[in-house]
Amino acid sequence: MYKVIFLIGPPGSGKGTQADLLAKELGLYHLETSKIIEERFKNADPEDKEIAHQKEHWIAGELFHPEVIIKWVSEAVDELKNQVEGFIFSGSPRWVEEARHESEYLEKIYGKESIVAVEIKLNEEESINRNSHRRICVKSRHPIPNFSEFENIKVCPEDGSEIITRELDKPEIIKERYQVYLKETMPVIDYFRQNGYKVLEINGEQPIEKVFEDIKGQL
């Protein structure tokens, strides 16, 4: 069984949703990078200029400096590695440098054969459409997909908390984030292939359940 699953895809490809489903199915821990980032912002010293600078990048839809995310994700893994069976990453790695650091570190813990990268493919038009209508819940950040069956719900079906729209999910920001994904994150897929890690390709333009079944079928 895989102990580390990297879900990689553009905004709106359903990484968070699939990570939640896989975590429940496989008994792994969903390590959500965006949640780590938001918690850092929430708990940061108001006078911390570096955090303020990183937040500006985040709001603009740009990627953080790699060394910042590497540090934050590494600290989260160190804190949890002895408490969980393994990890599912839904927002990391986003750069080759980050992929190299995380894969080499996790390989020492679990072995290369226990690590897999899953590329969820989604075109730009669908990415913008999904994200500009996407919502999450306040309490646990459960994603509320942009599908008709979720259109009129007011509270999260998972934990009952309020449902909100993220500041990041504006069409103009999503368009920028998609281009950043193509330029900065797509090379991560090549890194995994070239370094002997298993890589799966999944069509992310299908219904949630079909994407989930495709991932499970290839794992």
Protein backbone atom coordinates (compact mmCIF):
# COMPACT_ATOMS: atom_id res chain seq x y z
CA MET A 1 0.00 0.00 0.00
CA TYR A 2 1.16 3.53 -0.77
CA LYS A 3 2.08 5.57 2.30
CA VAL A 4 2.55 8.89 0.49
CA ILE A 5 0.22 10.16 -2.24
CA PHE A 6 0.88 13.50 -3.94
CA LEU A 7 -2.23 14.86 -5.69
CA ILE A 8 -1.11 17.35 -8.32
CA GLY A 9 -3.41 19.40 -10.53
CA PRO A 10 -4.50 22.93 -11.42
CA PRO A 11 -6.97 24.98 -9.36
CA GLY A 12 -10.39 23.32 -9.37
CA SER A 13 -9.12 19.85 -10.27
CA GLY A 14 -10.58 18.47 -7.04
CA LYS A 15 -7.37 17.74 -5.16
CA GLY A 16 -8.89 18.56 -1.77
CA THR A 17 -12.07 16.59 -2.39
CA GLN A 18 -10.17 13.54 -3.63
CA ALA A 19 -7.68 13.79 -0.76
CA ASP A 20 -10.54 13.71 1.77
CA LEU A 21 -12.09 10.67 0.07
CA LEU A 22 -8.79 8.82 -0.20
CA ALA A 23 -7.85 9.64 3.39
CA LYS A 24 -11.05 7.99 4.61
CA GLU A 25 -10.65 5.02 2.27
CA LEU A 26 -6.97 4.35 2.93
CA GLY A 27 -6.52 5.53 6.50
CA LEU A 28 -3.93 8.16 5.59
CA TYR A 29 -3.63 11.74 6.86
CA HIS A 30 -4.69 14.54 4.51
CA LEU A 31 -1.99 17.20 4.85
CA GLU A 32 -3.56 20.27 3.26
CA THR A 33 -0.98 22.92 2.39
CA SER A 34 -3.49 25.74 2.06
CA LYS A 35 -4.73 25.00 5.58
CA ILE A 36 -1.16 25.17 6.91
CA ILE A 37 -0.71 28.52 5.15
CA GLU A 38 -3.94 30.00 6.47
CA GLU A 39 -3.18 28.87 10.02
CA ARG A 40 0.25 30.49 9.79
CA PHE A 41 -1.36 33.74 8.68
CA LYS A 42 -3.98 33.56 11.41
CA ASN A 43 -1.44 33.01 14.17
CA ALA A 44 1.31 35.28 12.85
CA ASP A 45 2.65 38.33 14.63
CA PRO A 46 1.05 41.40 12.96
CA GLU A 47 4.51 42.97 12.86
CA ASP A 48 6.07 40.04 10.97
CA LYS A 49 6.97 41.63 7.64
CA GLU A 50 7.97 38.33 6.00
CA ILE A 51 4.57 36.78 6.71
CA ALA A 52 2.86 39.94 5.43
CA HIS A 53 4.94 39.75 2.24
CA GLN A 54 4.04 36.09 1.70
CA LYS A 55 0.35 36.88 2.24
CA GLU A 56 0.49 39.45 -0.55
CA HIS A 57 1.75 36.75 -2.94
CA TRP A 58 -0.96 34.36 -1.76
CA ILE A 59 -3.82 36.84 -2.23
CA ALA A 60 -2.54 37.69 -5.73
CA GLY A 61 -2.68 34.00 -6.72
CA GLU A 62 1.11 33.69 -6.87
CA LEU A 63 3.18 30.92 -5.34
CA PHE A 64 5.12 31.36 -2.12
CA HIS A 65 8.89 31.30 -2.00
CA PRO A 66 9.79 27.58 -2.09
CA GLU A 67 11.91 27.70 1.06
CA VAL A 68 8.94 28.98 3.09
CA ILE A 69 6.59 26.16 2.08
CA ILE A 70 9.35 23.55 2.39
CA LYS A 71 9.93 24.70 5.97
CA TRP A 72 6.25 24.77 6.93
CA VAL A 73 5.39 21.42 5.32
CA SER A 74 8.49 19.75 6.80
CA GLU A 75 7.55 20.96 10.27
CA ALA A 76 4.03 19.56 9.83
CA VAL A 77 5.36 16.18 8.66
CA ASP A 78 7.82 16.02 11.56
CA GLU A 79 5.05 16.73 14.03
CA LEU A 80 2.72 14.06 12.63
CA LYS A 81 4.91 11.28 11.19
CA ASN A 82 4.85 9.14 14.33
CA GLN A 83 1.09 9.53 14.76
CA VAL A 84 -0.21 8.57 11.29
CA GLU A 85 0.13 5.74 8.77
CA GLY A 86 1.12 8.05 5.93
CA PHE A 87 0.19 11.23 4.09
CA ILE A 88 -1.93 12.51 1.24
CA PHE A 89 -0.77 15.91 -0.03
CA SER A 90 -3.33 18.06 -1.87
CA GLY A 91 -1.39 21.29 -2.39
CA SER A 92 2.25 20.34 -2.30
CA PRO A 93 4.70 20.13 -3.99
CA ARG A 94 4.29 23.07 -6.35
CA TRP A 95 7.90 23.45 -7.46
CA VAL A 96 10.60 20.98 -8.47
CA GLU A 97 12.77 22.12 -5.55
CA GLU A 98 9.92 21.40 -3.15
CA ALA A 99 9.22 18.02 -4.80
CA ARG A 100 12.86 17.02 -4.47
CA HIS A 101 13.05 17.96 -0.79
CA GLU A 102 9.76 16.30 0.19
CA SER A 103 10.22 13.12 -1.85
CA GLU A 104 13.77 12.52 -0.62
CA TYR A 105 12.75 13.11 2.99
CA LEU A 106 9.63 10.92 2.79
CA GLU A 107 11.54 8.22 0.90
CA LYS A 108 13.81 7.84 3.92
CA ILE A 109 10.76 7.20 6.10
CA TYR A 110 8.57 5.06 3.83
CA GLY A 111 10.73 3.94 0.88
CA LYS A 112 10.44 4.99 -2.79
CA GLU A 113 8.02 2.15 -3.62
CA SER A 114 5.51 3.62 -1.14
CA ILE A 115 5.35 7.02 -2.87
CA VAL A 116 3.07 7.85 -5.81
CA ALA A 117 2.17 11.07 -7.64
CA VAL A 118 -1.32 11.48 -9.12
CA GLU A 119 -1.76 14.08 -11.86
CA ILE A 120 -5.39 15.25 -12.10
CA LYS A 121 -5.85 16.91 -15.48
CA LEU A 122 -8.24 19.85 -15.99
CA ASN A 123 -8.41 22.47 -18.75
CA GLU A 124 -8.23 26.21 -18.05
CA GLU A 125 -11.87 27.01 -18.87
CA GLU A 126 -13.18 24.36 -16.50
CA SER A 127 -10.68 25.42 -13.84
CA ILE A 128 -11.97 29.00 -13.89
CA ASN A 129 -15.61 27.87 -13.98
CA ARG A 130 -15.25 25.50 -11.04
CA ASN A 131 -13.22 27.80 -8.83
CA SER A 132 -15.27 30.94 -9.36
CA HIS A 133 -18.28 29.03 -8.01
CA ARG A 134 -16.49 26.94 -5.40
CA ARG A 135 -17.13 27.26 -1.67
CA ILE A 136 -15.65 25.77 1.47
CA CYS A 137 -16.85 25.38 5.05
CA VAL A 138 -15.50 27.60 7.82
CA LYS A 139 -14.70 24.94 10.39
CA SER A 140 -12.73 22.29 8.52
CA ARG A 141 -12.38 23.72 4.98
CA HIS A 142 -14.36 20.87 3.44
CA PRO A 143 -14.71 21.75 -0.27
CA ILE A 144 -18.24 22.23 -1.61
CA PRO A 145 -17.99 21.29 -5.31
CA ASN A 146 -19.64 23.33 -8.05
CA PHE A 147 -22.25 20.71 -8.91
CA SER A 148 -26.04 21.04 -9.00
CA GLU A 149 -26.63 18.78 -6.01
CA PHE A 150 -24.68 21.20 -3.79
CA GLU A 151 -26.08 24.45 -5.24
CA ASN A 152 -28.59 25.35 -2.53
CA ILE A 153 -26.96 23.98 0.61
CA LYS A 154 -26.16 26.57 3.31
CA VAL A 155 -24.18 24.48 5.82
CA CYS A 156 -21.44 21.89 5.39
CA PRO A 157 -22.82 18.34 5.13
CA GLU A 158 -19.70 17.08 6.93
CA ASP A 159 -19.60 19.25 10.04
CA GLY A 160 -22.57 21.65 9.86
CA SER A 161 -20.47 24.84 9.74
CA GLU A 162 -21.08 27.92 7.58
CA ILE A 163 -20.17 27.76 3.89
CA ILE A 164 -18.13 30.64 2.44
CA THR A 165 -16.43 31.69 -0.81
CA ARG A 166 -12.66 32.09 -0.60
CA GLU A 167 -11.02 35.36 -1.55
CA LEU A 168 -8.67 33.40 -3.81
CA ASP A 169 -11.53 32.08 -5.94
CA LYS A 170 -12.12 35.12 -8.13
CA PRO A 171 -11.98 34.47 -11.91
CA GLU A 172 -9.06 36.83 -12.55
CA ILE A 173 -7.03 35.23 -9.74
CA ILE A 174 -7.88 31.70 -10.92
CA LYS A 175 -6.68 32.54 -14.44
CA GLU A 176 -3.37 33.74 -13.01
CA ARG A 177 -3.08 30.68 -10.77
CA TYR A 178 -3.69 28.36 -13.74
CA GLN A 179 -0.86 29.95 -15.71
CA VAL A 180 1.40 29.75 -12.66
CA TYR A 181 0.50 26.05 -12.39
CA LEU A 182 1.52 25.40 -16.00
CA LYS A 183 4.82 27.22 -15.59
CA GLU A 184 5.87 26.28 -12.05
CA THR A 185 4.07 23.07 -11.07
CA MET A 186 3.77 20.98 -14.24
CA PRO A 187 7.54 20.32 -14.23
CA VAL A 188 7.01 18.52 -10.89
CA ILE A 189 5.34 15.68 -12.81
CA ASP A 190 8.45 15.29 -14.95
CA TYR A 191 10.62 15.31 -11.83
CA PHE A 192 8.72 12.37 -10.35
CA ARG A 193 8.87 10.38 -13.59
CA GLN A 194 12.55 11.06 -14.21
CA ASN A 195 13.44 10.02 -10.67
CA GLY A 196 11.70 6.66 -10.70
CA TYR A 197 8.49 7.43 -8.81
CA LYS A 198 5.19 6.03 -10.04
CA VAL A 199 2.97 8.68 -11.69
CA LEU A 200 -0.73 8.22 -12.47
CA GLU A 201 -2.70 10.35 -14.95
CA ILE A 202 -6.37 10.97 -14.15
CA ASN A 203 -9.06 12.80 -16.13
CA GLY A 204 -10.28 15.45 -13.68
CA GLU A 205 -13.15 16.62 -15.90
CA GLN A 206 -15.33 13.71 -14.77
CA PRO A 207 -17.78 13.57 -11.83
CA ILE A 208 -16.21 13.32 -8.38
CA GLU A 209 -17.13 9.66 -7.93
CA LYS A 210 -15.63 8.67 -11.30
CA VAL A 211 -12.37 10.49 -10.57
CA PHE A 212 -12.22 8.75 -7.19
CA GLU A 213 -12.82 5.33 -8.73
CA ASP A 214 -10.18 5.97 -11.40
CA ILE A 215 -7.59 6.91 -8.78
CA LYS A 216 -8.39 3.87 -6.61
CA GLY A 217 -8.32 1.62 -9.67
CA GLN A 218 -4.79 2.72 -10.58
CA LEU A 219 -3.28 2.76 -7.10
